[in-house]
Amino acid sequence: MTDAAASLGRRERNKLDKLARITAAAGELFAEHGVDDVTTQQIADRADIGTGTLFLYAKTKGELLLLVQNASYADALAEGRDAAAAEPDAFKAVMCVVRPVVECNRKQIDNGRTYLREIVFGDPEEPHHKAALEVTVQTEQAIAEILRRVVETDARAAVLAHVASAIMFISMAATINASKTTTEVIEEIALQLGAVLPRQ
């Protein structure tokens, strides 16, 4: 048990344990079968909780997918930031951020595309949706930090980072790209970003 967990009361520890079990169960089932072919009952059974308890943590499968994918997305972004920090070329550094995010999103392509739809069209007041939006903001901020190396103002870097984020999200979500390999999608993103981002 971590020091942080030990400092919590029993009730809070139980809640964290249930959340971890739900996240693990949903993640395993979504990876095995795809989000569309998994029921909330299956997730509750694998997490060894009742469906009523499950709905206290996430009201829909979309929210469960956000819960699962948000953690993976945050890890991918951290990986990308670390790689970008060691890359002196700004364009290559942006691609260091993009690559693990795309790879994470395409581990199970249909789940990734559903996740992106949930981010765009989901309820922004729902906690898991808020967390997803925060990670997308952090992605843009990471790209903007890199672009400040090669553009004249913070405002310009932020606009270009927003454009880069849009290109990345559309390329990942587009139906026409569903059958492409992850490498092909990354190459497409790089080609588009190369047309709009300044070079050193």
Protein backbone atom coordinates (compact mmCIF):
# COMPACT_ATOMS: atom_id res chain seq x y z
CA MET A 1 0.00 0.00 0.00
CA THR A 2 1.36 3.43 -0.86
CA ASP A 3 1.86 6.11 1.79
CA ALA A 4 -0.90 8.14 0.15
CA ALA A 5 -3.32 5.21 0.27
CA ALA A 6 -2.37 4.44 3.87
CA SER A 7 -3.23 7.98 4.91
CA LEU A 8 -6.77 7.59 3.57
CA GLY A 9 -9.63 6.19 5.58
CA ARG A 10 -11.00 2.69 4.94
CA ARG A 11 -13.94 4.01 2.93
CA GLU A 12 -11.71 6.02 0.60
CA ARG A 13 -9.34 3.07 0.18
CA ASN A 14 -12.31 0.85 -0.71
CA LYS A 15 -13.47 3.39 -3.29
CA LEU A 16 -10.00 3.56 -4.84
CA ASP A 17 -9.81 -0.23 -4.89
CA LYS A 18 -13.18 -0.50 -6.65
CA LEU A 19 -12.20 2.18 -9.14
CA ALA A 20 -8.97 0.30 -9.92
CA ARG A 21 -10.88 -2.98 -10.36
CA ILE A 22 -13.45 -1.33 -12.62
CA THR A 23 -10.75 0.34 -14.71
CA ALA A 24 -8.82 -2.93 -15.05
CA ALA A 25 -11.93 -4.98 -15.88
CA ALA A 26 -13.21 -2.50 -18.45
CA GLY A 27 -9.76 -2.14 -20.00
CA GLU A 28 -9.32 -5.90 -20.34
CA LEU A 29 -12.77 -6.48 -21.80
CA PHE A 30 -12.60 -3.52 -24.19
CA ALA A 31 -9.19 -4.73 -25.42
CA GLU A 32 -10.45 -8.30 -25.87
CA HIS A 33 -13.81 -7.60 -27.52
CA GLY A 34 -14.11 -3.91 -28.39
CA VAL A 35 -16.29 -1.45 -26.53
CA ASP A 36 -19.39 -2.15 -28.64
CA ASP A 37 -19.39 -5.86 -27.79
CA VAL A 38 -18.98 -5.52 -24.02
CA THR A 39 -21.85 -5.04 -21.58
CA THR A 40 -21.75 -3.16 -18.31
CA GLN A 41 -22.83 -6.42 -16.62
CA GLN A 42 -19.71 -8.16 -17.94
CA ILE A 43 -17.55 -5.34 -16.57
CA ALA A 44 -19.28 -5.46 -13.18
CA ASP A 45 -18.88 -9.25 -13.03
CA ARG A 46 -15.17 -9.12 -13.87
CA ALA A 47 -14.62 -6.31 -11.34
CA ASP A 48 -16.57 -8.38 -8.78
CA ILE A 49 -19.04 -5.61 -7.98
CA GLY A 50 -22.74 -5.03 -8.56
CA THR A 51 -23.94 -3.04 -11.57
CA GLY A 52 -25.40 -0.45 -9.21
CA THR A 53 -21.95 0.11 -7.77
CA LEU A 54 -20.47 0.30 -11.28
CA PHE A 55 -22.86 3.10 -12.19
CA LEU A 56 -21.67 5.13 -9.21
CA TYR A 57 -18.29 5.35 -10.97
CA ALA A 58 -19.44 5.63 -14.59
CA LYS A 59 -23.00 5.92 -15.88
CA THR A 60 -22.40 4.65 -19.42
CA LYS A 61 -19.98 2.53 -21.42
CA GLY A 62 -18.75 5.76 -22.99
CA GLU A 63 -17.75 7.03 -19.55
CA LEU A 64 -16.06 3.71 -18.79
CA LEU A 65 -14.10 3.98 -22.03
CA LEU A 66 -13.03 7.51 -21.09
CA LEU A 67 -11.93 6.22 -17.68
CA VAL A 68 -9.80 3.49 -19.27
CA GLN A 69 -8.36 5.51 -22.14
CA ASN A 70 -7.60 8.67 -20.14
CA ALA A 71 -4.93 6.89 -18.10
CA SER A 72 -3.33 5.41 -21.23
CA TYR A 73 -3.46 8.76 -23.01
CA ALA A 74 -1.82 10.53 -20.05
CA ASP A 75 0.96 7.92 -20.00
CA ALA A 76 1.49 8.27 -23.76
CA LEU A 77 1.68 12.05 -23.45
CA ALA A 78 4.26 11.78 -20.66
CA GLU A 79 6.31 9.43 -22.84
CA GLY A 80 6.07 11.89 -25.74
CA ARG A 81 7.08 14.87 -23.61
CA ASP A 82 10.15 13.01 -22.36
CA ALA A 83 11.20 12.09 -25.90
CA ALA A 84 10.56 15.64 -27.16
CA ALA A 85 12.74 17.14 -24.43
CA ALA A 86 15.73 15.22 -25.83
CA GLU A 87 15.04 16.19 -29.47
CA PRO A 88 16.59 19.51 -30.59
CA ASP A 89 14.69 19.73 -33.89
CA ALA A 90 11.28 21.32 -33.23
CA PHE A 91 9.36 19.44 -35.92
CA LYS A 92 10.82 16.10 -34.84
CA ALA A 93 10.06 17.00 -31.23
CA VAL A 94 6.40 17.63 -32.12
CA MET A 95 6.31 14.21 -33.75
CA CYS A 96 7.81 12.77 -30.55
CA VAL A 97 4.66 13.99 -28.77
CA VAL A 98 2.31 12.86 -31.54
CA ARG A 99 3.66 9.34 -32.07
CA PRO A 100 2.88 7.70 -28.67
CA VAL A 101 -0.53 9.41 -28.52
CA VAL A 102 -1.46 7.91 -31.91
CA GLU A 103 -0.03 4.51 -30.94
CA CYS A 104 -2.04 4.56 -27.70
CA ASN A 105 -5.24 5.53 -29.52
CA ARG A 106 -4.84 2.76 -32.10
CA LYS A 107 -4.14 -0.20 -29.81
CA GLN A 108 -7.75 -1.14 -30.48
CA ILE A 109 -8.82 1.05 -33.41
CA ASP A 110 -12.59 1.01 -32.88
CA ASN A 111 -12.15 1.79 -29.18
CA GLY A 112 -9.80 4.65 -30.06
CA ARG A 113 -12.23 6.13 -32.55
CA THR A 114 -15.11 5.80 -30.05
CA TYR A 115 -12.95 7.49 -27.41
CA LEU A 116 -12.34 10.46 -29.71
CA ARG A 117 -16.09 10.75 -30.40
CA GLU A 118 -16.76 10.72 -26.66
CA ILE A 119 -14.25 13.54 -26.18
CA VAL A 120 -15.85 15.65 -28.92
CA PHE A 121 -19.52 14.93 -28.27
CA GLY A 122 -19.67 13.78 -24.64
CA ASP A 123 -20.97 15.72 -21.67
CA PRO A 124 -18.23 18.18 -20.68
CA GLU A 125 -19.56 18.25 -17.09
CA GLU A 126 -19.03 14.50 -16.63
CA PRO A 127 -15.81 13.93 -14.61
CA HIS A 128 -14.17 11.39 -16.97
CA HIS A 129 -14.96 13.64 -19.92
CA LYS A 130 -13.43 16.62 -18.11
CA ALA A 131 -10.29 14.56 -17.51
CA ALA A 132 -10.12 13.65 -21.21
CA LEU A 133 -10.45 17.28 -22.22
CA GLU A 134 -7.69 18.19 -19.77
CA VAL A 135 -5.32 15.69 -21.38
CA THR A 136 -6.10 17.12 -24.82
CA VAL A 137 -5.32 20.60 -23.48
CA GLN A 138 -2.05 19.28 -22.03
CA THR A 139 -1.21 17.81 -25.45
CA GLU A 140 -1.67 21.19 -27.11
CA GLN A 141 0.39 22.83 -24.38
CA ALA A 142 3.21 20.33 -24.91
CA ILE A 143 3.21 21.04 -28.65
CA ALA A 144 3.02 24.81 -28.06
CA GLU A 145 6.04 24.64 -25.72
CA ILE A 146 8.04 23.00 -28.51
CA LEU A 147 6.86 25.46 -31.15
CA ARG A 148 7.97 28.41 -29.00
CA ARG A 149 11.47 27.45 -30.12
CA VAL A 150 10.70 28.49 -33.70
CA VAL A 151 7.86 31.06 -33.65
CA GLU A 152 7.85 34.69 -32.58
CA THR A 153 5.01 34.72 -30.02
CA ASP A 154 3.31 32.47 -27.48
CA ALA A 155 -0.03 33.24 -29.16
CA ARG A 156 1.27 31.98 -32.52
CA ALA A 157 2.64 28.82 -30.89
CA ALA A 158 -0.75 28.18 -29.25
CA VAL A 159 -2.64 28.59 -32.54
CA LEU A 160 -0.26 26.26 -34.38
CA ALA A 161 -0.50 23.71 -31.55
CA HIS A 162 -4.29 23.81 -31.85
CA VAL A 163 -4.00 23.18 -35.61
CA ALA A 164 -1.57 20.31 -34.95
CA SER A 165 -3.96 18.79 -32.41
CA ALA A 166 -6.88 19.03 -34.86
CA ILE A 167 -4.86 17.33 -37.60
CA MET A 168 -3.87 14.55 -35.22
CA PHE A 169 -7.41 13.97 -33.92
CA ILE A 170 -9.05 14.01 -37.35
CA SER A 171 -6.44 11.63 -38.75
CA MET A 172 -7.01 9.20 -35.87
CA ALA A 173 -10.80 9.42 -36.04
CA ALA A 174 -11.36 9.44 -39.82
CA THR A 175 -13.21 6.38 -41.12
CA ILE A 176 -11.00 6.35 -44.21
CA ASN A 177 -7.97 5.77 -41.96
CA ALA A 178 -9.48 2.92 -39.93
CA SER A 179 -7.86 0.27 -42.14
CA LYS A 180 -4.46 1.99 -42.27
CA THR A 181 -1.56 0.89 -40.13
CA THR A 182 -0.50 3.04 -37.21
CA THR A 183 2.70 3.89 -39.09
CA GLU A 184 0.68 5.08 -42.08
CA VAL A 185 -1.48 7.30 -39.88
CA ILE A 186 1.61 8.80 -38.22
CA GLU A 187 3.17 9.42 -41.65
CA GLU A 188 -0.04 11.13 -42.82
CA ILE A 189 -0.02 13.36 -39.75
CA ALA A 190 3.65 14.20 -40.29
CA LEU A 191 2.96 15.12 -43.93
CA GLN A 192 0.11 17.45 -42.95
CA LEU A 193 2.01 18.99 -40.05
CA GLY A 194 4.97 19.53 -42.34
CA ALA A 195 2.78 21.71 -44.54
CA VAL A 196 1.76 24.05 -41.70
CA LEU A 197 4.43 24.05 -39.01
CA PRO A 198 7.55 26.20 -39.30
CA ARG A 199 10.91 24.45 -39.58
CA GLN A 200 14.15 25.42 -37.89
